[in-house]
C-alpha atoms as a PDB file:
ATOM      1  CA  MET A   1       5.496   8.248   5.421  1.00  0.00           C
ATOM      2  CA  THR A   2       5.163   8.372   1.542  1.00  0.00           C
ATOM      3  CA  ARG A   3       1.189   8.834   0.407  1.00  0.00           C
ATOM      4  CA  VAL A   4       0.175   6.298  -1.878  1.00  0.00           C
ATOM      5  CA  ARG A   5      -2.355   6.603  -4.323  1.00  0.00           C
ATOM      6  CA  TYR A   6      -5.173   4.372  -6.689  1.00  0.00           C
ATOM      7  CA  VAL A   7      -7.897   4.416  -8.844  1.00  0.00           C
ATOM      8  CA  GLY A   8     -11.358   2.123 -10.329  1.00  0.00           C
ATOM      9  CA  LEU A   9     -11.658  -0.100  -6.610  1.00  0.00           C
ATOM     10  CA  PRO A  10     -15.489   0.020  -6.374  1.00  0.00           C
ATOM     11  CA  THR A  11     -15.395  -0.088  -2.741  1.00  0.00           C
ATOM     12  CA  MET A  12     -13.823   0.711   0.191  1.00  0.00           C
ATOM     13  CA  LYS A  13     -15.341  -1.242   2.939  1.00  0.00           C
ATOM     14  CA  LYS A  14     -13.333  -4.157   4.074  1.00  0.00           C
ATOM     15  CA  VAL A  15      -9.734  -3.073   2.039  1.00  0.00           C
ATOM     16  CA  SER A  16      -6.626  -4.660   2.959  1.00  0.00           C
ATOM     17  CA  PHE A  17      -3.082  -4.155   2.101  1.00  0.00           C
ATOM     18  CA  ASP A  18      -0.076  -6.133   1.752  1.00  0.00           C
ATOM     19  CA  LEU A  19       3.375  -4.465   1.873  1.00  0.00           C
ATOM     20  CA  THR A  20       6.346  -6.802   0.435  1.00  0.00           C
ATOM     21  CA  ASP A  21       9.557  -7.180  -0.823  1.00  0.00           C
ATOM     22  CA  LEU A  22      10.964  -7.398  -4.389  1.00  0.00           C
ATOM     23  CA  ASN A  23      11.168 -11.196  -3.122  1.00  0.00           C
ATOM     24  CA  GLY A  24       7.628 -11.301  -2.386  1.00  0.00           C
ATOM     25  CA  LEU A  25       8.371 -11.042   1.380  1.00  0.00           C
ATOM     26  CA  PRO A  26       6.355  -9.810   3.954  1.00  0.00           C
ATOM     27  CA  VAL A  27       7.611  -6.469   5.175  1.00  0.00           C
ATOM     28  CA  GLU A  28       5.825  -4.846   8.606  1.00  0.00           C
ATOM     29  CA  ALA A  29       5.168  -0.907   8.176  1.00  0.00           C
ATOM     30  CA  PRO A  30       1.666   0.639   9.449  1.00  0.00           C
ATOM     31  CA  VAL A  31      -0.386   0.994   6.270  1.00  0.00           C
ATOM     32  CA  ASN A  32      -3.247   3.851   6.935  1.00  0.00           C
ATOM     33  CA  LEU A  33      -6.470   4.248   5.142  1.00  0.00           C
ATOM     34  CA  LEU A  34      -6.867   7.784   5.036  1.00  0.00           C
ATOM     35  CA  GLU A  35     -10.371   9.065   5.537  1.00  0.00           C
ATOM     36  CA  HIS A  36     -10.162  12.423   3.923  1.00  0.00           C
ATOM     37  CA  ALA A  37      -9.273  11.150   0.436  1.00  0.00           C
ATOM     38  CA  ALA A  38     -10.653   7.661  -0.771  1.00  0.00           C
ATOM     39  CA  ASP A  39      -8.057   7.379  -3.435  1.00  0.00           C
ATOM     40  CA  ALA A  40      -4.934   7.429  -1.081  1.00  0.00           C
ATOM     41  CA  ILE A  41      -3.161   5.443   1.527  1.00  0.00           C
ATOM     42  CA  GLU A  42      -0.307   6.328   3.923  1.00  0.00           C
ATOM     43  CA  VAL A  43       2.503   3.517   4.274  1.00  0.00           C
ATOM     44  CA  THR A  44       5.031   5.095   7.281  1.00  0.00           C
ATOM     45  CA  ILE A  45       8.804   3.906   5.668  1.00  0.00           C
ATOM     46  CA  ALA A  46      10.871   5.598   8.533  1.00  0.00           C
ATOM     47  CA  ASN A  47      12.406   2.485   9.462  1.00  0.00           C
ATOM     48  CA  MET A  48      12.535   0.909   6.510  1.00  0.00           C
ATOM     49  CA  GLN A  49      15.741   0.032   4.034  1.00  0.00           C
ATOM     50  CA  SER A  50      16.091   0.509   0.678  1.00  0.00           C
ATOM     51  CA  GLY A  51      14.659  -1.001  -2.044  1.00  0.00           C
ATOM     52  CA  ILE A  52      11.711  -1.747  -4.208  1.00  0.00           C
ATOM     53  CA  PHE A  53       8.516  -2.722  -2.629  1.00  0.00           C
ATOM     54  CA  TYR A  54       4.713  -3.881  -3.563  1.00  0.00           C
ATOM     55  CA  LEU A  55       1.863  -2.585  -2.117  1.00  0.00           C
ATOM     56  CA  LYS A  56      -1.145  -4.643  -2.849  1.00  0.00           C
ATOM     57  CA  ILE A  57      -4.678  -2.737  -2.310  1.00  0.00           C
ATOM     58  CA  PHE A  58      -7.519  -5.660  -2.225  1.00  0.00           C
ATOM     59  CA  ASP A  59     -11.006  -4.519  -1.715  1.00  0.00           C
ATOM     60  CA  GLY A  60     -12.397  -8.424  -1.885  1.00  0.00           C
ATOM     61  CA  THR A  61     -12.750  -8.825  -5.478  1.00  0.00           C
ATOM     62  CA  THR A  62     -10.395  -5.918  -7.439  1.00  0.00           C
ATOM     63  CA  ALA A  63      -6.559  -5.557  -6.570  1.00  0.00           C
ATOM     64  CA  THR A  64      -4.602  -2.902  -6.828  1.00  0.00           C
ATOM     65  CA  ILE A  65      -0.966  -3.006  -6.633  1.00  0.00           C
ATOM     66  CA  ARG A  66       1.919   0.000  -6.619  1.00  0.00           C
ATOM     67  CA  ARG A  67       5.534  -0.101  -6.568  1.00  0.00           C
ATOM     68  CA  ILE A  68       7.416   1.615  -4.363  1.00  0.00           C
ATOM     69  CA  ILE A  69      11.376   2.654  -4.294  1.00  0.00           C
ATOM     70  CA  LEU A  70      12.988   3.847  -1.667  1.00  0.00           C
ATOM     71  CA  GLN A  71      16.514   4.692  -1.840  1.00  0.00           C
END
């Protein structure tokens, strides 16, 4: 697991997550919003190959994108 932090989303209602590879193709990995931390989510990376990935966090109005690098 890895924890991804974000700041600035006005609401945590109806949050969606998209995880893609460097080419923009969707990647299947469990993504969980942490109930006890309003500014972090966890991504399960155990079965993912090395590479660069992008995690888009969207609340319906505002999007935040974080880069994940697995070596």
